Amino acid sequence: MRDLSEQEKFWQGDFGNQYVERNIGQPLVAASLAMFAKALSRAGRIDSVVELGTNAGNNLQALHQLLPESELFGVEINESACAQARALGIAQIWQGSLFDFPRERTYDLSLSKGVLIHLAPELLATAYAQLYALSRRYILIAEYYNPAPVEVPYRGNSGKLFKRDFAGEMLDRYADLHLLDYGFVYHRDPQFPADDITWFLLEKRP
């Protein structure tokens, strides 16, 4: 059995539980739905989705509304979040670290939203490998963007929030990945505000 990293234990514990309580509610689902509608507008048919870092299932709820026929899968390390996501009854939820999720199949879309920013930089290569290996065609990354890597203090904690060009690093790493579309969601958007998220839709091409 692999020993969890300090960060994984951090999100598995009380801080992760508090995060769950702060990040639930229909306004968040609505904002996610608006973002996904734009982010996936240039994608083809999507019959299956896997989200690495599902939390309580806001994104899965949005995707269920947008892609009602799609098979949805979530991966979540926090027990409380996992239980809430399962209770929605719309997706299969696997409890554990995204680094341990088995690559038993591929999905039309693999997704990371607000997850890569919370990983230690030395873990990113493994996270990218998971996103890439699990994707049959599309990868959607929705995170905080910065041209150069930078750490940001996070609720009194250090080493827990980072900004960088996650999508660019994946494009450099995998030659068959191409940028299909990208966009930004401003925190002062009058209809569907989000936390200054930049999204990138990548596609695997032969």
Protein backbone atom coordinates (compact mmCIF):
# COMPACT_ATOMS: atom_id res chain seq x y z
CA MET A 1 0.00 0.00 0.00
CA ARG A 2 1.43 3.38 -1.02
CA ASP A 3 1.97 5.98 1.72
CA LEU A 4 -0.11 9.09 1.04
CA SER A 5 1.73 12.36 0.60
CA GLU A 6 1.33 15.17 3.13
CA GLN A 7 -0.96 17.00 0.71
CA GLU A 8 -3.17 13.98 0.16
CA LYS A 9 -3.58 13.57 3.92
CA PHE A 10 -4.37 17.31 4.19
CA TRP A 11 -7.31 17.01 1.77
CA GLN A 12 -8.42 13.72 3.22
CA GLY A 13 -8.77 15.27 6.69
CA ASP A 14 -10.49 18.17 8.43
CA PHE A 15 -9.42 20.86 5.96
CA GLY A 16 -10.89 18.78 3.14
CA ASN A 17 -14.13 18.40 5.11
CA GLN A 18 -14.35 22.17 5.56
CA TYR A 19 -13.74 22.65 1.84
CA VAL A 20 -16.70 20.39 1.09
CA GLU A 21 -18.99 22.48 3.30
CA ARG A 22 -17.86 25.74 1.64
CA ASN A 23 -18.28 24.48 -1.90
CA ILE A 24 -21.78 23.11 -2.30
CA GLY A 25 -24.93 24.75 -3.62
CA GLN A 26 -26.93 25.31 -6.79
CA PRO A 27 -25.27 28.64 -7.74
CA LEU A 28 -21.95 26.77 -8.01
CA VAL A 29 -23.58 24.06 -10.11
CA ALA A 30 -25.11 26.70 -12.40
CA ALA A 31 -21.75 28.42 -12.84
CA SER A 32 -20.12 25.09 -13.67
CA LEU A 33 -22.86 24.29 -16.18
CA ALA A 34 -22.33 27.62 -17.96
CA MET A 35 -18.58 27.03 -18.08
CA PHE A 36 -18.87 23.44 -19.35
CA ALA A 37 -21.37 24.49 -22.03
CA LYS A 38 -18.77 26.90 -23.43
CA ALA A 39 -15.76 24.70 -22.84
CA LEU A 40 -17.26 21.67 -24.59
CA SER A 41 -19.09 23.50 -27.38
CA ARG A 42 -16.40 22.53 -29.92
CA ALA A 43 -16.10 18.94 -28.75
CA GLY A 44 -17.72 16.02 -30.52
CA ARG A 45 -19.85 13.36 -28.91
CA ILE A 46 -18.97 12.63 -25.27
CA ASP A 47 -20.41 9.40 -23.92
CA SER A 48 -18.20 9.02 -20.84
CA VAL A 49 -16.45 11.42 -18.45
CA VAL A 50 -14.04 10.89 -15.57
CA GLU A 51 -13.36 13.74 -13.15
CA LEU A 52 -10.22 13.60 -11.01
CA GLY A 53 -11.04 15.39 -7.76
CA THR A 54 -14.83 15.34 -7.71
CA ASN A 55 -15.40 16.88 -4.27
CA ALA A 56 -19.14 16.81 -3.43
CA GLY A 57 -20.16 16.50 -7.07
CA ASN A 58 -20.99 20.04 -8.27
CA ASN A 59 -19.25 19.49 -11.59
CA LEU A 60 -20.84 16.10 -12.07
CA GLN A 61 -24.28 17.64 -11.48
CA ALA A 62 -23.54 20.23 -14.16
CA LEU A 63 -22.25 17.61 -16.58
CA HIS A 64 -25.30 15.43 -15.91
CA GLN A 65 -27.51 18.32 -17.00
CA LEU A 66 -25.36 19.13 -20.03
CA LEU A 67 -24.68 15.52 -21.10
CA PRO A 68 -27.64 13.55 -19.71
CA GLU A 69 -26.79 10.39 -21.65
CA SER A 70 -23.12 10.31 -20.63
CA GLU A 71 -21.62 7.82 -18.18
CA LEU A 72 -20.09 9.85 -15.34
CA PHE A 73 -17.28 8.77 -13.07
CA GLY A 74 -15.67 10.65 -10.19
CA VAL A 75 -12.48 10.16 -8.17
CA GLU A 76 -12.38 11.71 -4.69
CA ILE A 77 -10.03 11.27 -1.72
CA ASN A 78 -12.19 12.88 0.98
CA GLU A 79 -14.70 10.51 2.59
CA SER A 80 -17.34 13.17 3.33
CA ALA A 81 -17.19 14.57 -0.21
CA CYS A 82 -17.30 11.07 -1.63
CA ALA A 83 -20.47 10.24 0.30
CA GLN A 84 -22.20 13.44 -0.89
CA ALA A 85 -21.22 12.81 -4.50
CA ARG A 86 -22.47 9.22 -4.33
CA ALA A 87 -25.75 10.35 -2.80
CA LEU A 88 -26.53 12.33 -5.96
CA GLY A 89 -27.05 9.03 -7.74
CA ILE A 90 -25.74 10.29 -11.09
CA ALA A 91 -22.20 8.92 -11.21
CA GLN A 92 -19.95 6.12 -10.10
CA ILE A 93 -17.62 7.50 -7.41
CA TRP A 94 -14.27 5.90 -6.59
CA GLN A 95 -12.85 6.85 -3.19
CA GLY A 96 -9.10 7.35 -3.06
CA SER A 97 -6.24 9.40 -4.45
CA LEU A 98 -6.34 10.35 -8.12
CA PHE A 99 -2.81 8.92 -8.30
CA ASP A 100 -4.11 5.45 -7.37
CA PHE A 101 -7.17 5.39 -9.62
CA PRO A 102 -6.80 2.31 -11.87
CA ARG A 103 -6.41 2.82 -15.60
CA GLU A 104 -8.76 -0.02 -16.47
CA ARG A 105 -10.45 1.83 -19.33
CA THR A 106 -10.50 5.15 -21.14
CA TYR A 107 -13.15 7.88 -21.21
CA ASP A 108 -14.15 10.33 -23.93
CA LEU A 109 -13.27 13.17 -21.56
CA SER A 110 -10.96 13.36 -18.57
CA LEU A 111 -11.40 16.43 -16.40
CA SER A 112 -9.59 18.43 -13.74
CA LYS A 113 -11.26 21.54 -12.28
CA GLY A 114 -9.64 23.26 -9.30
CA VAL A 115 -7.49 20.24 -8.49
CA LEU A 116 -4.09 20.62 -10.16
CA ILE A 117 -3.64 23.97 -8.39
CA HIS A 118 -3.63 22.12 -5.06
CA LEU A 119 -0.99 19.53 -5.99
CA ALA A 120 2.66 19.85 -5.05
CA PRO A 121 4.69 20.64 -8.18
CA GLU A 122 6.60 17.35 -7.95
CA LEU A 123 3.31 15.44 -8.26
CA LEU A 124 2.11 17.18 -11.42
CA ALA A 125 3.86 14.87 -13.90
CA THR A 126 1.97 11.91 -12.41
CA ALA A 127 -1.32 13.84 -12.47
CA TYR A 128 -0.77 14.78 -16.12
CA ALA A 129 -0.04 11.13 -16.90
CA GLN A 130 -3.35 10.12 -15.31
CA LEU A 131 -5.36 12.73 -17.22
CA TYR A 132 -3.67 11.68 -20.45
CA ALA A 133 -3.92 7.92 -19.99
CA LEU A 134 -7.58 8.00 -18.95
CA SER A 135 -8.63 10.14 -21.92
CA ARG A 136 -9.76 8.54 -25.16
CA ARG A 137 -10.06 11.91 -26.91
CA TYR A 138 -10.54 15.07 -24.81
CA ILE A 139 -8.90 16.54 -21.71
CA LEU A 140 -10.43 19.57 -19.97
CA ILE A 141 -8.28 21.51 -17.52
CA ALA A 142 -9.95 24.34 -15.57
CA GLU A 143 -7.52 25.87 -13.09
CA TYR A 144 -5.82 29.13 -12.05
CA TYR A 145 -3.49 30.18 -14.86
CA ASN A 146 -0.16 31.96 -14.62
CA PRO A 147 2.55 32.08 -17.31
CA ALA A 148 5.22 31.06 -14.80
CA PRO A 149 4.79 28.81 -11.75
CA VAL A 150 3.92 30.73 -8.59
CA GLU A 151 2.79 29.72 -5.10
CA VAL A 152 -0.07 31.57 -3.42
CA PRO A 153 -0.90 31.50 0.33
CA TYR A 154 -4.13 29.57 0.84
CA ARG A 155 -6.29 30.15 3.91
CA GLY A 156 -3.28 30.46 6.17
CA ASN A 157 -1.49 27.47 4.65
CA SER A 158 1.63 27.35 2.52
CA GLY A 159 2.39 24.75 -0.13
CA LYS A 160 -1.30 24.20 -0.86
CA LEU A 161 -2.07 26.46 -3.84
CA PHE A 162 -0.10 27.00 -7.02
CA LYS A 163 -0.74 28.76 -10.32
CA ARG A 164 1.01 27.85 -13.58
CA ASP A 165 0.39 26.96 -17.24
CA PHE A 166 -0.88 23.43 -16.62
CA ALA A 167 -2.30 23.03 -20.14
CA GLY A 168 0.88 24.31 -21.76
CA GLU A 169 2.93 21.81 -19.79
CA MET A 170 0.68 18.99 -21.00
CA LEU A 171 0.94 20.21 -24.59
CA ASP A 172 4.73 20.20 -24.29
CA ARG A 173 4.73 16.75 -22.73
CA TYR A 174 2.43 14.92 -25.17
CA ALA A 175 3.03 15.44 -28.89
CA ASP A 176 -0.40 14.21 -29.99
CA LEU A 177 -2.28 16.72 -27.81
CA HIS A 178 -3.64 19.83 -29.47
CA LEU A 179 -5.37 22.91 -28.07
CA LEU A 180 -8.97 22.87 -29.29
CA ASP A 181 -10.36 25.81 -27.30
CA TYR A 182 -9.82 27.91 -24.17
CA GLY A 183 -11.57 30.58 -22.15
CA PHE A 184 -11.83 32.48 -18.88
CA VAL A 185 -14.57 32.86 -16.25
CA TYR A 186 -14.40 36.15 -14.35
CA HIS A 187 -15.39 36.38 -10.69
CA ARG A 188 -17.51 39.47 -11.51
CA ASP A 189 -19.47 37.84 -14.31
CA PRO A 190 -23.04 39.18 -13.81
CA GLN A 191 -24.73 35.83 -14.49
CA PHE A 192 -22.43 32.92 -13.74
CA PRO A 193 -19.38 34.11 -11.79
CA ALA A 194 -16.55 31.71 -11.04
CA ASP A 195 -13.27 32.16 -9.27
CA ASP A 196 -11.23 33.56 -12.19
CA ILE A 197 -10.86 30.11 -13.73
CA THR A 198 -9.09 29.62 -17.05
CA TRP A 199 -10.11 26.50 -18.96
CA PHE A 200 -8.38 24.64 -21.75
CA LEU A 201 -9.88 21.92 -23.92
CA LEU A 202 -7.21 19.61 -25.31
CA GLU A 203 -7.76 16.90 -27.91
CA LYS A 204 -5.78 13.79 -28.77
CA ARG A 205 -5.16 13.58 -32.50
CA PRO A 206 -3.46 10.84 -34.53
